[in-house]
Amino acid sequence: MAKRLFVGSLSYDVTQGQLEELFATVGTVTSVNLITDRDTGNSKGFAFIDMASDAEAEKAIKELNGKEISGRAIIVNEARPREERPGGFNRGGGSFSERRPRRRP
């Protein structure tokens, strides 16, 4: 099992400090990354937490999944690797000229 955990269904007012304090009750927290909107700085309602060992990560999942924090039951599970997405404008991967209609003479 990976040491990185995904924590979802967070209330938008939950802080990194609150998450660190909660997860420290089940083991050693090595990092907390609360995901925020890059434009507004507001929480997106999920975070990634790194635990010091696989055993502590497993304990966190068992004990904290479904636990209520700031009025919401949180989701705690193993973080999955990010899925690869196609690149390019509009994530289509094609060039701009391929999307333009051709001009008729």
PDB file of N, CA and C in Angstrom:
ATOM      1  N   MET A   1       0.841  -1.188   0.000  1.00  0.00           N
ATOM      2  CA  MET A   1       0.000   0.000   0.000  1.00  0.00           C
ATOM      3  C   MET A   1       0.881   1.244   0.000  1.00  0.00           C
ATOM      4  N   ALA A   2       0.453   2.244  -0.710  1.00  0.00           N
ATOM      5  CA  ALA A   2       1.205   3.495  -0.783  1.00  0.00           C
ATOM      6  C   ALA A   2       1.046   4.281   0.514  1.00  0.00           C
ATOM      7  N   LYS A   3       1.968   5.155   0.736  1.00  0.00           N
ATOM      8  CA  LYS A   3       1.920   5.999   1.924  1.00  0.00           C
ATOM      9  C   LYS A   3       1.096   7.256   1.689  1.00  0.00           C
ATOM     10  N   ARG A   4       0.819   7.571   0.431  1.00  0.00           N
ATOM     11  CA  ARG A   4       0.041   8.776   0.107  1.00  0.00           C
ATOM     12  C   ARG A   4      -1.442   8.443   0.130  1.00  0.00           C
ATOM     13  N   LEU A   5      -2.202   9.301   0.817  1.00  0.00           N
ATOM     14  CA  LEU A   5      -3.639   9.107   0.948  1.00  0.00           C
ATOM     15  C   LEU A   5      -4.395  10.238   0.268  1.00  0.00           C
ATOM     16  N   PHE A   6      -5.538   9.891  -0.315  1.00  0.00           N
ATOM     17  CA  PHE A   6      -6.472  10.870  -0.852  1.00  0.00           C
ATOM     18  C   PHE A   6      -7.528  11.097   0.215  1.00  0.00           C
ATOM     19  N   VAL A   7      -7.827  12.355   0.497  1.00  0.00           N
ATOM     20  CA  VAL A   7      -8.870  12.692   1.464  1.00  0.00           C
ATOM     21  C   VAL A   7      -9.873  13.579   0.743  1.00  0.00           C
ATOM     22  N   GLY A   8     -11.105  13.098   0.620  1.00  0.00           N
ATOM     23  CA  GLY A   8     -12.119  13.830  -0.121  1.00  0.00           C
ATOM     24  C   GLY A   8     -13.339  14.148   0.706  1.00  0.00           C
ATOM     25  N   SER A   9     -14.266  14.844   0.091  1.00  0.00           N
ATOM     26  CA  SER A   9     -15.517  15.268   0.703  1.00  0.00           C
ATOM     27  C   SER A   9     -15.273  16.197   1.894  1.00  0.00           C
ATOM     28  N   LEU A  10     -14.216  17.014   1.769  1.00  0.00           N
ATOM     29  CA  LEU A  10     -13.884  17.950   2.841  1.00  0.00           C
ATOM     30  C   LEU A  10     -14.758  19.191   2.762  1.00  0.00           C
ATOM     31  N   SER A  11     -15.115  19.717   3.917  1.00  0.00           N
ATOM     32  CA  SER A  11     -15.773  21.007   3.978  1.00  0.00           C
ATOM     33  C   SER A  11     -14.776  22.048   3.474  1.00  0.00           C
ATOM     34  N   TYR A  12     -15.263  23.083   2.815  1.00  0.00           N
ATOM     35  CA  TYR A  12     -14.372  24.092   2.242  1.00  0.00           C
ATOM     36  C   TYR A  12     -13.640  24.915   3.297  1.00  0.00           C
ATOM     37  N   ASP A  13     -14.088  24.846   4.552  1.00  0.00           N
ATOM     38  CA  ASP A  13     -13.409  25.624   5.592  1.00  0.00           C
ATOM     39  C   ASP A  13     -12.385  24.811   6.388  1.00  0.00           C
ATOM     40  N   VAL A  14     -12.170  23.553   6.032  1.00  0.00           N
ATOM     41  CA  VAL A  14     -11.162  22.731   6.713  1.00  0.00           C
ATOM     42  C   VAL A  14      -9.773  23.246   6.340  1.00  0.00           C
ATOM     43  N   THR A  15      -8.881  23.310   7.339  1.00  0.00           N
ATOM     44  CA  THR A  15      -7.524  23.811   7.110  1.00  0.00           C
ATOM     45  C   THR A  15      -6.509  22.668   7.096  1.00  0.00           C
ATOM     46  N   GLN A  16      -5.316  22.974   6.572  1.00  0.00           N
ATOM     47  CA  GLN A  16      -4.229  21.993   6.586  1.00  0.00           C
ATOM     48  C   GLN A  16      -3.908  21.589   8.014  1.00  0.00           C
ATOM     49  N   GLY A  17      -3.926  22.548   8.919  1.00  0.00           N
ATOM     50  CA  GLY A  17      -3.639  22.275  10.327  1.00  0.00           C
ATOM     51  C   GLY A  17      -4.623  21.286  10.939  1.00  0.00           C
ATOM     52  N   GLN A  18      -5.905  21.445  10.622  1.00  0.00           N
ATOM     53  CA  GLN A  18      -6.916  20.520  11.139  1.00  0.00           C
ATOM     54  C   GLN A  18      -6.670  19.106  10.620  1.00  0.00           C
ATOM     55  N   LEU A  19      -6.326  18.996   9.341  1.00  0.00           N
ATOM     56  CA  LEU A  19      -6.068  17.678   8.760  1.00  0.00           C
ATOM     57  C   LEU A  19      -4.837  17.037   9.394  1.00  0.00           C
ATOM     58  N   GLU A  20      -3.788  17.833   9.558  1.00  0.00           N
ATOM     59  CA  GLU A  20      -2.564  17.304  10.163  1.00  0.00           C
ATOM     60  C   GLU A  20      -2.832  16.822  11.584  1.00  0.00           C
ATOM     61  N   GLU A  21      -3.592  17.597  12.333  1.00  0.00           N
ATOM     62  CA  GLU A  21      -3.929  17.227  13.708  1.00  0.00           C
ATOM     63  C   GLU A  21      -4.741  15.932  13.748  1.00  0.00           C
ATOM     64  N   LEU A  22      -5.715  15.804  12.862  1.00  0.00           N
ATOM     65  CA  LEU A  22      -6.556  14.609  12.819  1.00  0.00           C
ATOM     66  C   LEU A  22      -5.746  13.372  12.453  1.00  0.00           C
ATOM     67  N   PHE A  23      -4.946  13.458  11.397  1.00  0.00           N
ATOM     68  CA  PHE A  23      -4.196  12.292  10.932  1.00  0.00           C
ATOM     69  C   PHE A  23      -3.042  11.939  11.865  1.00  0.00           C
ATOM     70  N   ALA A  24      -2.566  12.902  12.652  1.00  0.00           N
ATOM     71  CA  ALA A  24      -1.510  12.624  13.627  1.00  0.00           C
ATOM     72  C   ALA A  24      -2.006  11.703  14.740  1.00  0.00           C
ATOM     73  N   THR A  25      -3.331  11.577  14.885  1.00  0.00           N
ATOM     74  CA  THR A  25      -3.869  10.677  15.914  1.00  0.00           C
ATOM     75  C   THR A  25      -3.674   9.208  15.548  1.00  0.00           C
ATOM     76  N   VAL A  26      -3.378   8.920  14.276  1.00  0.00           N
ATOM     77  CA  VAL A  26      -3.200   7.527  13.845  1.00  0.00           C
ATOM     78  C   VAL A  26      -1.779   7.220  13.388  1.00  0.00           C
ATOM     79  N   GLY A  27      -0.910   8.237  13.335  1.00  0.00           N
ATOM     80  CA  GLY A  27       0.466   7.995  12.909  1.00  0.00           C
ATOM     81  C   GLY A  27       1.205   9.282  12.618  1.00  0.00           C
ATOM     82  N   THR A  28       2.388   9.134  12.046  1.00  0.00           N
ATOM     83  CA  THR A  28       3.233  10.278  11.736  1.00  0.00           C
ATOM     84  C   THR A  28       2.896  10.830  10.351  1.00  0.00           C
ATOM     85  N   VAL A  29       2.499  12.088  10.321  1.00  0.00           N
ATOM     86  CA  VAL A  29       2.165  12.765   9.070  1.00  0.00           C
ATOM     87  C   VAL A  29       3.436  13.425   8.543  1.00  0.00           C
ATOM     88  N   THR A  30       3.814  13.096   7.302  1.00  0.00           N
ATOM     89  CA  THR A  30       5.011  13.714   6.726  1.00  0.00           C
ATOM     90  C   THR A  30       4.685  14.930   5.874  1.00  0.00           C
ATOM     91  N   SER A  31       3.473  14.990   5.295  1.00  0.00           N
ATOM     92  CA  SER A  31       3.058  16.200   4.574  1.00  0.00           C
ATOM     93  C   SER A  31       1.549  16.223   4.377  1.00  0.00           C
ATOM     94  N   VAL A  32       1.021  17.437   4.282  1.00  0.00           N
ATOM     95  CA  VAL A  32      -0.398  17.662   4.007  1.00  0.00           C
ATOM     96  C   VAL A  32      -0.470  18.648   2.849  1.00  0.00           C
ATOM     97  N   ASN A  33      -1.209  18.277   1.802  1.00  0.00           N
ATOM     98  CA  ASN A  33      -1.361  19.153   0.645  1.00  0.00           C
ATOM     99  C   ASN A  33      -2.853  19.352   0.387  1.00  0.00           C
ATOM    100  N   LEU A  34      -3.399  20.435   0.937  1.00  0.00           N
ATOM    101  CA  LEU A  34      -4.803  20.787   0.730  1.00  0.00           C
ATOM    102  C   LEU A  34      -4.903  21.475  -0.627  1.00  0.00           C
ATOM    103  N   ILE A  35      -5.688  20.915  -1.529  1.00  0.00           N
ATOM    104  CA  ILE A  35      -5.771  21.421  -2.896  1.00  0.00           C
ATOM    105  C   ILE A  35      -6.685  22.643  -2.945  1.00  0.00           C
ATOM    106  N   THR A  36      -6.160  23.725  -3.537  1.00  0.00           N
ATOM    107  CA  THR A  36      -6.918  24.970  -3.623  1.00  0.00           C
ATOM    108  C   THR A  36      -7.021  25.428  -5.076  1.00  0.00           C
ATOM    109  N   ASP A  37      -8.028  26.234  -5.335  1.00  0.00           N
ATOM    110  CA  ASP A  37      -8.211  26.829  -6.656  1.00  0.00           C
ATOM    111  C   ASP A  37      -7.097  27.846  -6.879  1.00  0.00           C
ATOM    112  N   ARG A  38      -6.426  27.767  -8.008  1.00  0.00           N
ATOM    113  CA  ARG A  38      -5.276  28.657  -8.224  1.00  0.00           C
ATOM    114  C   ARG A  38      -5.680  30.118  -8.384  1.00  0.00           C
ATOM    115  N   ASP A  39      -6.913  30.380  -8.802  1.00  0.00           N
ATOM    116  CA  ASP A  39      -7.349  31.766  -8.982  1.00  0.00           C
ATOM    117  C   ASP A  39      -7.884  32.386  -7.694  1.00  0.00           C
ATOM    118  N   THR A  40      -8.704  31.629  -6.965  1.00  0.00           N
ATOM    119  CA  THR A  40      -9.349  32.187  -5.772  1.00  0.00           C
ATOM    120  C   THR A  40      -8.633  31.835  -4.475  1.00  0.00           C
ATOM    121  N   GLY A  41      -7.868  30.752  -4.478  1.00  0.00           N
ATOM    122  CA  GLY A  41      -7.214  30.304  -3.251  1.00  0.00           C
ATOM    123  C   GLY A  41      -8.135  29.505  -2.343  1.00  0.00           C
ATOM    124  N   ASN A  42      -9.387  29.315  -2.752  1.00  0.00           N
ATOM    125  CA  ASN A  42     -10.346  28.555  -1.948  1.00  0.00           C
ATOM    126  C   ASN A  42     -10.093  27.060  -2.091  1.00  0.00           C
ATOM    127  N   SER A  43     -10.410  26.321  -1.037  1.00  0.00           N
ATOM    128  CA  SER A  43     -10.249  24.868  -1.048  1.00  0.00           C
ATOM    129  C   SER A  43     -11.136  24.244  -2.113  1.00  0.00           C
ATOM    130  N   LYS A  44     -10.641  23.167  -2.728  1.00  0.00           N
ATOM    131  CA  LYS A  44     -11.440  22.409  -3.692  1.00  0.00           C
ATOM    132  C   LYS A  44     -12.130  21.224  -3.024  1.00  0.00           C
ATOM    133  N   GLY A  45     -11.944  21.057  -1.722  1.00  0.00           N
ATOM    134  CA  GLY A  45     -12.647  20.007  -0.996  1.00  0.00           C
ATOM    135  C   GLY A  45     -11.932  18.671  -0.955  1.00  0.00           C
ATOM    136  N   PHE A  46     -10.639  18.657  -1.310  1.00  0.00           N
ATOM    137  CA  PHE A  46      -9.880  17.416  -1.170  1.00  0.00           C
ATOM    138  C   PHE A  46      -8.418  17.723  -0.882  1.00  0.00           C
ATOM    139  N   ALA A  47      -7.709  16.694  -0.407  1.00  0.00           N
ATOM    140  CA  ALA A  47      -6.306  16.867  -0.015  1.00  0.00           C
ATOM    141  C   ALA A  47      -5.555  15.561  -0.215  1.00  0.00           C
ATOM    142  N   PHE A  48      -4.236  15.658  -0.190  1.00  0.00           N
ATOM    143  CA  PHE A  48      -3.366  14.489  -0.199  1.00  0.00           C
ATOM    144  C   PHE A  48      -2.512  14.545   1.058  1.00  0.00           C
ATOM    145  N   ILE A  49      -2.443  13.426   1.746  1.00  0.00           N
ATOM    146  CA  ILE A  49      -1.680  13.348   2.990  1.00  0.00           C
ATOM    147  C   ILE A  49      -0.697  12.202   2.884  1.00  0.00           C
ATOM    148  N   ASP A  50       0.556  12.478   3.233  1.00  0.00           N
ATOM    149  CA  ASP A  50       1.597  11.447   3.247  1.00  0.00           C
ATOM    150  C   ASP A  50       1.827  11.001   4.678  1.00  0.00           C
ATOM    151  N   MET A  51       1.761   9.689   4.878  1.00  0.00           N
ATOM    152  CA  MET A  51       2.037   9.097   6.186  1.00  0.00           C
ATOM    153  C   MET A  51       3.436   8.484   6.156  1.00  0.00           C
ATOM    154  N   ALA A  52       4.039   8.323   7.333  1.00  0.00           N
ATOM    155  CA  ALA A  52       5.423   7.854   7.423  1.00  0.00           C
ATOM    156  C   ALA A  52       5.592   6.396   7.020  1.00  0.00           C
ATOM    157  N   SER A  53       4.545   5.578   7.170  1.00  0.00           N
ATOM    158  CA  SER A  53       4.680   4.159   6.826  1.00  0.00           C
ATOM    159  C   SER A  53       3.393   3.630   6.209  1.00  0.00           C
ATOM    160  N   ASP A  54       3.520   2.496   5.541  1.00  0.00           N
ATOM    161  CA  ASP A  54       2.345   1.843   4.956  1.00  0.00           C
ATOM    162  C   ASP A  54       1.352   1.446   6.041  1.00  0.00           C
ATOM    163  N   ALA A  55       1.861   0.963   7.170  1.00  0.00           N
ATOM    164  CA  ALA A  55       0.992   0.526   8.268  1.00  0.00           C
ATOM    165  C   ALA A  55       0.180   1.700   8.812  1.00  0.00           C
ATOM    166  N   GLU A  56       0.813   2.865   8.932  1.00  0.00           N
ATOM    167  CA  GLU A  56       0.094   4.049   9.422  1.00  0.00           C
ATOM    168  C   GLU A  56      -0.938   4.521   8.403  1.00  0.00           C
ATOM    169  N   ALA A  57      -0.613   4.418   7.134  1.00  0.00           N
ATOM    170  CA  ALA A  57      -1.568   4.798   6.088  1.00  0.00           C
ATOM    171  C   ALA A  57      -2.786   3.877   6.131  1.00  0.00           C
ATOM    172  N   GLU A  58      -2.543   2.588   6.290  1.00  0.00           N
ATOM    173  CA  GLU A  58      -3.642   1.622   6.376  1.00  0.00           C
ATOM    174  C   GLU A  58      -4.508   1.888   7.605  1.00  0.00           C
ATOM    175  N   LYS A  59      -3.867   2.213   8.718  1.00  0.00           N
ATOM    176  CA  LYS A  59      -4.596   2.529   9.950  1.00  0.00           C
ATOM    177  C   LYS A  59      -5.454   3.782   9.755  1.00  0.00           C
ATOM    178  N   ALA A  60      -4.919   4.780   9.061  1.00  0.00           N
ATOM    179  CA  ALA A  60      -5.668   6.013   8.803  1.00  0.00           C
ATOM    180  C   ALA A  60      -6.918   5.722   7.978  1.00  0.00           C
ATOM    181  N   ILE A  61      -6.781   4.869   6.966  1.00  0.00           N
ATOM    182  CA  ILE A  61      -7.935   4.516   6.137  1.00  0.00           C
ATOM    183  C   ILE A  61      -8.996   3.827   6.987  1.00  0.00           C
ATOM    184  N   LYS A  62      -8.579   2.849   7.780  1.00  0.00           N
ATOM    185  CA  LYS A  62      -9.533   2.090   8.600  1.00  0.00           C
ATOM    186  C   LYS A  62     -10.226   2.956   9.644  1.00  0.00           C
ATOM    187  N   GLU A  63      -9.466   3.852  10.288  1.00  0.00           N
ATOM    188  CA  GLU A  63     -10.026   4.607  11.408  1.00  0.00           C
ATOM    189  C   GLU A  63     -10.657   5.946  11.029  1.00  0.00           C
ATOM    190  N   LEU A  64     -10.216   6.543   9.932  1.00  0.00           N
ATOM    191  CA  LEU A  64     -10.687   7.896   9.622  1.00  0.00           C
ATOM    192  C   LEU A  64     -11.658   7.981   8.450  1.00  0.00           C
ATOM    193  N   ASN A  65     -11.742   6.941   7.613  1.00  0.00           N
ATOM    194  CA  ASN A  65     -12.700   6.965   6.510  1.00  0.00           C
ATOM    195  C   ASN A  65     -14.113   7.020   7.092  1.00  0.00           C
ATOM    196  N   GLY A  66     -14.882   8.022   6.704  1.00  0.00           N
ATOM    197  CA  GLY A  66     -16.239   8.196   7.217  1.00  0.00           C
ATOM    198  C   GLY A  66     -16.317   9.063   8.460  1.00  0.00           C
ATOM    199  N   LYS A  67     -15.180   9.440   9.019  1.00  0.00           N
ATOM    200  CA  LYS A  67     -15.166  10.289  10.218  1.00  0.00           C
ATOM    201  C   LYS A  67     -15.666  11.682   9.856  1.00  0.00           C
ATOM    202  N   GLU A  68     -16.408  12.277  10.762  1.00  0.00           N
ATOM    203  CA  GLU A  68     -16.960  13.599  10.512  1.00  0.00           C
ATOM    204  C   GLU A  68     -15.974  14.680  10.943  1.00  0.00           C
ATOM    205  N   ILE A  69     -15.752  15.636  10.050  1.00  0.00           N
ATOM    206  CA  ILE A  69     -14.928  16.805  10.356  1.00  0.00           C
ATOM    207  C   ILE A  69     -15.609  18.025   9.742  1.00  0.00           C
ATOM    208  N   SER A  70     -15.844  19.028  10.550  1.00  0.00           N
ATOM    209  CA  SER A  70     -16.563  20.250  10.134  1.00  0.00           C
ATOM    210  C   SER A  70     -17.912  19.922   9.504  1.00  0.00           C
ATOM    211  N   GLY A  71     -18.608  18.954  10.086  1.00  0.00           N
ATOM    212  CA  GLY A  71     -19.962  18.634   9.647  1.00  0.00           C
ATOM    213  C   GLY A  71     -20.078  17.728   8.435  1.00  0.00           C
ATOM    214  N   ARG A  72     -18.953  17.196   7.927  1.00  0.00           N
ATOM    215  CA  ARG A  72     -19.005  16.308   6.756  1.00  0.00           C
ATOM    216  C   ARG A  72     -18.220  15.040   7.020  1.00  0.00           C
ATOM    217  N   ALA A  73     -18.762  13.921   6.544  1.00  0.00           N
ATOM    218  CA  ALA A  73     -18.057  12.640   6.638  1.00  0.00           C
ATOM    219  C   ALA A  73     -17.005  12.612   5.535  1.00  0.00           C
ATOM    220  N   ILE A  74     -15.741  12.451   5.916  1.00  0.00           N
ATOM    221  CA  ILE A  74     -14.665  12.484   4.926  1.00  0.00           C
ATOM    222  C   ILE A  74     -14.428  11.111   4.311  1.00  0.00           C
ATOM    223  N   ILE A  75     -13.838  11.119   3.136  1.00  0.00           N
ATOM    224  CA  ILE A  75     -13.446   9.898   2.435  1.00  0.00           C
ATOM    225  C   ILE A  75     -11.932   9.810   2.522  1.00  0.00           C
ATOM    226  N   VAL A  76     -11.431   8.674   2.984  1.00  0.00           N
ATOM    227  CA  VAL A  76      -9.982   8.464   3.062  1.00  0.00           C
ATOM    228  C   VAL A  76      -9.665   7.158   2.354  1.00  0.00           C
ATOM    229  N   ASN A  77      -8.833   7.230   1.316  1.00  0.00           N
ATOM    230  CA  ASN A  77      -8.380   6.008   0.659  1.00  0.00           C
ATOM    231  C   ASN A  77      -7.003   6.226   0.046  1.00  0.00           C
ATOM    232  N   GLU A  78      -6.452   5.153  -0.473  1.00  0.00           N
ATOM    233  CA  GLU A  78      -5.128   5.217  -1.077  1.00  0.00           C
ATOM    234  C   GLU A  78      -5.173   6.118  -2.305  1.00  0.00           C
ATOM    235  N   ALA A  79      -4.206   7.012  -2.411  1.00  0.00           N
ATOM    236  CA  ALA A  79      -4.137   7.894  -3.580  1.00  0.00           C
ATOM    237  C   ALA A  79      -3.702   7.086  -4.788  1.00  0.00           C
ATOM    238  N   ARG A  80      -4.359   7.333  -5.916  1.00  0.00           N
ATOM    239  CA  ARG A  80      -3.989   6.659  -7.166  1.00  0.00           C
ATOM    240  C   ARG A  80      -3.112   7.594  -7.980  1.00  0.00           C
ATOM    241  N   PRO A  81      -2.275   7.028  -8.834  1.00  0.00           N
ATOM    242  CA  PRO A  81      -1.469   7.885  -9.708  1.00  0.00           C
ATOM    243  C   PRO A  81      -2.372   8.693 -10.629  1.00  0.00           C
ATOM    244  N   ARG A  82      -1.936   9.874 -10.963  1.00  0.00           N
ATOM    245  CA  ARG A  82      -2.715  10.750 -11.832  1.00  0.00           C
ATOM    246  C   ARG A  82      -2.823  10.133 -13.220  1.00  0.00           C
ATOM    247  N   GLU A  83      -4.038  10.144 -13.775  1.00  0.00           N
ATOM    248  CA  GLU A  83      -4.239   9.604 -15.118  1.00  0.00           C
ATOM    249  C   GLU A  83      -3.652  10.557 -16.142  1.00  0.00           C
ATOM    250  N   GLU A  84      -3.029   9.985 -17.162  1.00  0.00           N
ATOM    251  CA  GLU A  84      -2.451  10.812 -18.213  1.00  0.00           C
ATOM    252  C   GLU A  84      -3.565  11.333 -19.103  1.00  0.00           C
ATOM    253  N   ARG A  85      -3.508  12.631 -19.400  1.00  0.00           N
ATOM    254  CA  ARG A  85      -4.523  13.247 -20.242  1.00  0.00           C
ATOM    255  C   ARG A  85      -3.870  13.715 -21.529  1.00  0.00           C
ATOM    256  N   PRO A  86      -4.634  13.702 -22.623  1.00  0.00           N
ATOM    257  CA  PRO A  86      -4.052  14.193 -23.874  1.00  0.00           C
ATOM    258  C   PRO A  86      -3.706  15.671 -23.753  1.00  0.00           C
ATOM    259  N   GLY A  87      -2.658  16.097 -24.431  1.00  0.00           N
ATOM    260  CA  GLY A  87      -2.215  17.485 -24.352  1.00  0.00           C
ATOM    261  C   GLY A  87      -2.830  18.337 -25.435  1.00  0.00           C
ATOM    262  N   GLY A  88      -2.345  19.538 -25.535  1.00  0.00           N
ATOM    263  CA  GLY A  88      -2.801  20.439 -26.581  1.00  0.00           C
ATOM    264  C   GLY A  88      -3.979  21.293 -26.155  1.00  0.00           C
ATOM    265  N   PHE A  89      -4.329  22.236 -27.005  1.00  0.00           N
ATOM    266  CA  PHE A  89      -5.451  23.128 -26.752  1.00  0.00           C
ATOM    267  C   PHE A  89      -6.740  22.316 -26.707  1.00  0.00           C
ATOM    268  N   ASN A  90      -7.590  22.599 -25.755  1.00  0.00           N
ATOM    269  CA  ASN A  90      -8.846  21.871 -25.546  1.00  0.00           C
ATOM    270  C   ASN A  90      -8.631  20.389 -25.278  1.00  0.00           C
ATOM    271  N   ARG A  91      -7.434  19.998 -24.916  1.00  0.00           N
ATOM    272  CA  ARG A  91      -7.091  18.623 -24.558  1.00  0.00           C
ATOM    273  C   ARG A  91      -7.357  17.629 -25.677  1.00  0.00           C
ATOM    274  N   GLY A  92      -7.489  18.110 -26.900  1.00  0.00           N
ATOM    275  CA  GLY A  92      -7.746  17.218 -28.017  1.00  0.00           C
ATOM    276  C   GLY A  92      -6.484  16.634 -28.614  1.00  0.00           C
ATOM    277  N   GLY A  93      -5.376  17.300 -28.438  1.00  0.00           N
ATOM    278  CA  GLY A  93      -4.118  16.798 -28.946  1.00  0.00           C
ATOM    279  C   GLY A  93      -3.844  17.165 -30.392  1.00  0.00           C
ATOM    280  N   GLY A  94      -4.821  17.660 -31.111  1.00  0.00           N
ATOM    281  CA  GLY A  94      -4.619  18.030 -32.513  1.00  0.00           C
ATOM    282  C   GLY A  94      -4.145  19.464 -32.643  1.00  0.00           C
ATOM    283  N   SER A  95      -3.771  19.844 -33.835  1.00  0.00           N
ATOM    284  CA  SER A  95      -3.321  21.220 -34.039  1.00  0.00           C
ATOM    285  C   SER A  95      -4.513  22.109 -34.377  1.00  0.00           C
ATOM    286  N   PHE A  96      -4.295  23.408 -34.257  1.00  0.00           N
ATOM    287  CA  PHE A  96      -5.356  24.372 -34.526  1.00  0.00           C
ATOM    288  C   PHE A  96      -5.867  24.249 -35.955  1.00  0.00           C
ATOM    289  N   SER A  97      -4.966  24.051 -36.897  1.00  0.00           N
ATOM    290  CA  SER A  97      -5.361  24.008 -38.305  1.00  0.00           C
ATOM    291  C   SER A  97      -6.267  22.822 -38.623  1.00  0.00           C
ATOM    292  N   GLU A  98      -6.193  21.775 -37.848  1.00  0.00           N
ATOM    293  CA  GLU A  98      -7.048  20.607 -38.096  1.00  0.00           C
ATOM    294  C   GLU A  98      -8.498  20.875 -37.728  1.00  0.00           C
ATOM    295  N   ARG A  99      -8.749  21.886 -36.904  1.00  0.00           N
ATOM    296  CA  ARG A  99     -10.111  22.179 -36.475  1.00  0.00           C
ATOM    297  C   ARG A  99     -10.754  23.303 -37.280  1.00  0.00           C
ATOM    298  N   ARG A 100      -9.978  23.994 -38.094  1.00  0.00           N
ATOM    299  CA  ARG A 100     -10.526  25.089 -38.895  1.00  0.00           C
ATOM    300  C   ARG A 100     -11.166  24.548 -40.163  1.00  0.00           C
ATOM    301  N   PRO A 101     -12.330  25.050 -40.504  1.00  0.00           N
ATOM    302  CA  PRO A 101     -12.924  24.616 -41.775  1.00  0.00           C
ATOM    303  C   PRO A 101     -12.066  25.117 -42.937  1.00  0.00           C
ATOM    304  N   ARG A 102     -11.999  24.334 -43.971  1.00  0.00           N
ATOM    305  CA  ARG A 102     -11.198  24.722 -45.141  1.00  0.00           C
ATOM    306  C   ARG A 102     -11.957  25.754 -45.959  1.00  0.00           C
ATOM    307  N   ARG A 103     -11.215  26.687 -46.521  1.00  0.00           N
ATOM    308  CA  ARG A 103     -11.820  27.721 -47.359  1.00  0.00           C
ATOM    309  C   ARG A 103     -11.975  27.189 -48.772  1.00  0.00           C
ATOM    310  N   ARG A 104     -13.085  27.475 -49.355  1.00  0.00           N
ATOM    311  CA  ARG A 104     -13.315  27.057 -50.742  1.00  0.00           C
ATOM    312  C   ARG A 104     -12.867  28.166 -51.680  1.00  0.00           C
ATOM    313  N   PRO A 105     -12.253  27.795 -52.789  1.00  0.00           N
ATOM    314  CA  PRO A 105     -11.810  28.828 -53.742  1.00  0.00           C
ATOM    315  C   PRO A 105     -12.963  29.512 -54.435  1.00  0.00           C
TER     316      PRO A 105
END
